Amino acid sequence: MSSDRSLNSGATIVDFESWMAREQKRIYLLCLRLLKNDYEADSAVQDVFIKAFRAMERSNGTAIRDADRWLTRVAVNVCMDRLRSNRLKFWRRRISPDDETVLLNLKPAPGMNQEELMIEREKIRRLNQSLNQLSVRQRTVFILRHEEGKRLEEIAEILGIDVGTVKAHMARAVAKLREELRDLYAR
């Protein structure tokens, strides 16, 4: 595997395993945020890396350019397929157990009192609830932009849509979140 973030069929199993180990946590967190279920996220990550390995085998010596971006696209597509299958209807509308654990383990910042900590926990809980109210596409665009730090052009490429469509989904997501969370930030 080369250092230019490409993956080719000349890469060895060790190269693939090294790349997979480097990307696995990032892909898992992305899948968990989209699917809201540990079991489904684990399963999706396995599917993503199986697809990546098969693509490496099929590439016949040609590089998979910008493998990290390509892998993100595969992960998003796997998650979208799972969400569309309606197997996760129950999980789409609730905070995952991991989100609750994060909230309970949130430590106060220096100088933060217990009341401020409770307010921060409530803000995070409400943000997660509000994210779950968004459409799958809006939530995906928002997470890719604000949690993965992707540029709009990268998001468009990952999702296979126009940049204008990404901007529209982002604007709708932000407007819905602003409306849902208006009372929290009016304090």
Protein backbone atom coordinates (compact mmCIF):
# COMPACT_ATOMS: atom_id res chain seq x y z
CA MET A 1 0.00 0.00 0.00
CA SER A 2 1.39 3.41 -0.85
CA SER A 3 1.45 6.54 1.24
CA ASP A 4 -0.76 8.47 -1.21
CA ARG A 5 -3.90 7.07 0.43
CA SER A 6 -4.65 4.74 -2.46
CA LEU A 7 -5.25 1.01 -2.22
CA ASN A 8 -4.32 -1.39 -4.99
CA SER A 9 -4.39 -5.12 -5.61
CA GLY A 10 -0.61 -5.18 -5.26
CA ALA A 11 -1.15 -4.45 -1.60
CA THR A 12 -0.57 -7.42 0.66
CA ILE A 13 -2.98 -8.80 3.25
CA VAL A 14 -0.76 -7.16 5.88
CA ASP A 15 -1.13 -3.79 4.09
CA PHE A 16 -4.89 -4.24 3.95
CA GLU A 17 -5.07 -5.23 7.63
CA SER A 18 -2.98 -2.21 8.59
CA TRP A 19 -5.25 0.11 6.58
CA MET A 20 -8.33 -1.56 8.04
CA ALA A 21 -7.02 -1.18 11.61
CA ARG A 22 -6.33 2.50 10.96
CA GLU A 23 -9.83 3.16 9.53
CA GLN A 24 -11.98 0.77 11.57
CA LYS A 25 -12.75 3.08 14.51
CA ARG A 26 -13.64 6.01 12.23
CA ILE A 27 -15.93 3.83 10.11
CA TYR A 28 -17.51 2.25 13.19
CA LEU A 29 -18.30 5.66 14.72
CA LEU A 30 -19.79 6.86 11.43
CA CYS A 31 -21.96 3.72 11.16
CA LEU A 32 -23.00 4.02 14.82
CA ARG A 33 -24.07 7.65 14.36
CA LEU A 34 -26.09 6.76 11.26
CA LEU A 35 -27.60 3.47 12.45
CA LYS A 36 -28.00 4.23 16.19
CA ASN A 37 -27.43 0.58 17.12
CA ASP A 38 -24.20 -1.14 18.22
CA TYR A 39 -25.04 -4.50 16.69
CA GLU A 40 -26.05 -3.01 13.34
CA ALA A 41 -22.98 -0.74 13.30
CA ASP A 42 -20.67 -3.72 13.95
CA SER A 43 -22.38 -5.69 11.21
CA ALA A 44 -22.20 -2.74 8.80
CA VAL A 45 -18.46 -2.28 9.47
CA GLN A 46 -17.89 -5.94 8.60
CA ASP A 47 -19.83 -5.48 5.35
CA VAL A 48 -17.83 -2.34 4.53
CA PHE A 49 -14.46 -4.04 4.92
CA ILE A 50 -15.59 -7.16 3.05
CA LYS A 51 -16.58 -4.89 0.16
CA ALA A 52 -13.24 -3.07 0.43
CA PHE A 53 -11.27 -6.32 0.35
CA ARG A 54 -13.23 -7.60 -2.64
CA ALA A 55 -12.69 -4.30 -4.45
CA MET A 56 -8.96 -4.57 -3.78
CA GLU A 57 -8.94 -8.09 -5.24
CA ARG A 58 -10.92 -6.98 -8.33
CA SER A 59 -8.86 -3.88 -9.03
CA ASN A 60 -6.33 -5.83 -11.16
CA GLY A 61 -3.41 -3.68 -10.11
CA THR A 62 -5.14 -0.33 -10.50
CA ALA A 63 -5.27 1.83 -7.42
CA ILE A 64 -8.43 2.77 -5.60
CA ARG A 65 -7.79 6.51 -5.50
CA ASP A 66 -8.35 8.32 -2.22
CA ALA A 67 -9.22 5.09 -0.44
CA ASP A 68 -10.35 6.86 2.74
CA ARG A 69 -13.01 8.88 0.90
CA TRP A 70 -14.04 5.81 -1.09
CA LEU A 71 -14.36 3.81 2.14
CA THR A 72 -16.55 6.54 3.66
CA ARG A 73 -18.82 6.35 0.63
CA VAL A 74 -19.07 2.56 0.95
CA ALA A 75 -19.89 2.92 4.67
CA VAL A 76 -22.59 5.52 4.04
CA ASN A 77 -24.13 3.38 1.28
CA VAL A 78 -24.15 0.27 3.49
CA CYS A 79 -25.82 2.25 6.29
CA MET A 80 -28.37 3.84 3.95
CA ASP A 81 -29.28 0.40 2.60
CA ARG A 82 -29.80 -0.87 6.13
CA LEU A 83 -31.94 2.12 7.06
CA ARG A 84 -34.03 1.77 3.91
CA SER A 85 -34.70 -1.87 4.69
CA ASN A 86 -36.92 -0.79 7.61
CA ARG A 87 -35.16 -3.22 9.92
CA LEU A 88 -34.19 -0.30 12.15
CA LYS A 89 -37.48 1.57 12.45
CA PHE A 90 -37.39 1.39 16.25
CA TRP A 91 -33.80 2.61 16.50
CA ARG A 92 -34.21 5.60 14.20
CA ARG A 93 -36.27 7.47 16.76
CA ARG A 94 -34.24 7.01 19.93
CA ILE A 95 -30.86 7.79 21.34
CA SER A 96 -28.54 4.80 21.26
CA PRO A 97 -27.36 3.31 24.57
CA ASP A 98 -23.86 4.55 23.75
CA ASP A 99 -25.11 8.14 23.54
CA GLU A 100 -26.67 7.76 27.00
CA THR A 101 -23.38 6.36 28.35
CA VAL A 102 -21.49 9.34 26.93
CA LEU A 103 -23.96 11.70 28.61
CA LEU A 104 -23.63 9.98 31.98
CA ASN A 105 -19.82 9.95 31.76
CA LEU A 106 -19.55 13.60 30.73
CA LYS A 107 -17.10 15.19 33.15
CA PRO A 108 -17.37 18.82 34.15
CA ALA A 109 -14.93 21.22 32.55
CA PRO A 110 -12.70 23.12 34.97
CA GLY A 111 -14.83 25.73 36.71
CA MET A 112 -18.14 24.09 35.67
CA ASN A 113 -20.59 23.47 38.50
CA GLN A 114 -23.09 20.60 38.73
CA GLU A 115 -25.97 22.68 37.35
CA GLU A 116 -23.93 23.67 34.27
CA LEU A 117 -22.99 20.02 33.75
CA MET A 118 -26.66 18.99 33.85
CA ILE A 119 -27.50 21.73 31.31
CA GLU A 120 -24.72 20.47 28.99
CA ARG A 121 -25.98 16.89 29.30
CA GLU A 122 -29.49 18.05 28.44
CA LYS A 123 -28.22 19.97 25.40
CA ILE A 124 -26.38 16.90 24.10
CA ARG A 125 -29.41 14.66 24.72
CA ARG A 126 -31.71 17.09 22.92
CA LEU A 127 -29.27 17.48 20.02
CA ASN A 128 -29.16 13.70 19.58
CA GLN A 129 -32.95 13.50 19.73
CA SER A 130 -33.23 16.28 17.17
CA LEU A 131 -30.69 14.61 14.87
CA ASN A 132 -32.85 11.49 14.99
CA GLN A 133 -35.82 13.55 13.78
CA LEU A 134 -34.02 14.47 10.54
CA SER A 135 -34.44 12.46 7.37
CA VAL A 136 -31.74 9.88 6.74
CA ARG A 137 -30.18 12.03 4.01
CA GLN A 138 -30.23 15.22 6.13
CA ARG A 139 -28.72 13.42 9.13
CA THR A 140 -26.05 11.84 6.93
CA VAL A 141 -25.07 15.18 5.39
CA PHE A 142 -25.00 16.86 8.82
CA ILE A 143 -22.88 14.10 10.40
CA LEU A 144 -20.44 13.97 7.49
CA ARG A 145 -19.99 17.75 7.65
CA HIS A 146 -19.95 18.43 11.38
CA GLU A 147 -18.61 15.19 12.86
CA GLU A 148 -16.43 13.86 10.05
CA GLY A 149 -15.31 17.34 8.97
CA LYS A 150 -15.92 16.65 5.27
CA ARG A 151 -16.12 19.49 2.75
CA LEU A 152 -19.40 19.91 0.83
CA GLU A 153 -17.72 18.68 -2.37
CA GLU A 154 -16.52 15.53 -0.59
CA ILE A 155 -20.00 14.88 0.80
CA ALA A 156 -21.49 15.27 -2.68
CA GLU A 157 -18.99 12.76 -4.05
CA ILE A 158 -19.54 10.30 -1.20
CA LEU A 159 -23.33 10.42 -1.58
CA GLY A 160 -23.31 10.66 -5.38
CA ILE A 161 -25.36 13.87 -5.45
CA ASP A 162 -24.78 17.47 -6.56
CA VAL A 163 -23.16 19.99 -4.23
CA GLY A 164 -26.34 22.08 -4.49
CA THR A 165 -28.35 19.14 -3.18
CA VAL A 166 -25.89 18.74 -0.30
CA LYS A 167 -26.32 22.44 0.51
CA ALA A 168 -30.11 22.08 0.43
CA HIS A 169 -30.03 19.06 2.77
CA MET A 170 -27.64 20.92 5.08
CA ALA A 171 -29.82 24.04 5.12
CA ARG A 172 -32.94 21.99 5.90
CA ALA A 173 -31.12 20.05 8.62
CA VAL A 174 -29.80 23.22 10.25
CA ALA A 175 -33.22 24.90 10.05
CA LYS A 176 -34.92 21.88 11.67
CA LEU A 177 -32.26 21.64 14.37
CA ARG A 178 -32.47 25.37 15.03
CA GLU A 179 -36.26 25.09 15.40
CA GLU A 180 -36.06 22.00 17.63
CA LEU A 181 -33.35 23.45 19.85
CA ARG A 182 -34.48 27.08 19.89
CA ASP A 183 -35.60 26.99 23.53
CA LEU A 184 -32.30 25.51 24.72
CA TYR A 185 -30.21 28.31 23.33
CA ALA A 186 -32.61 31.12 24.22
CA ARG A 187 -31.56 30.85 27.87
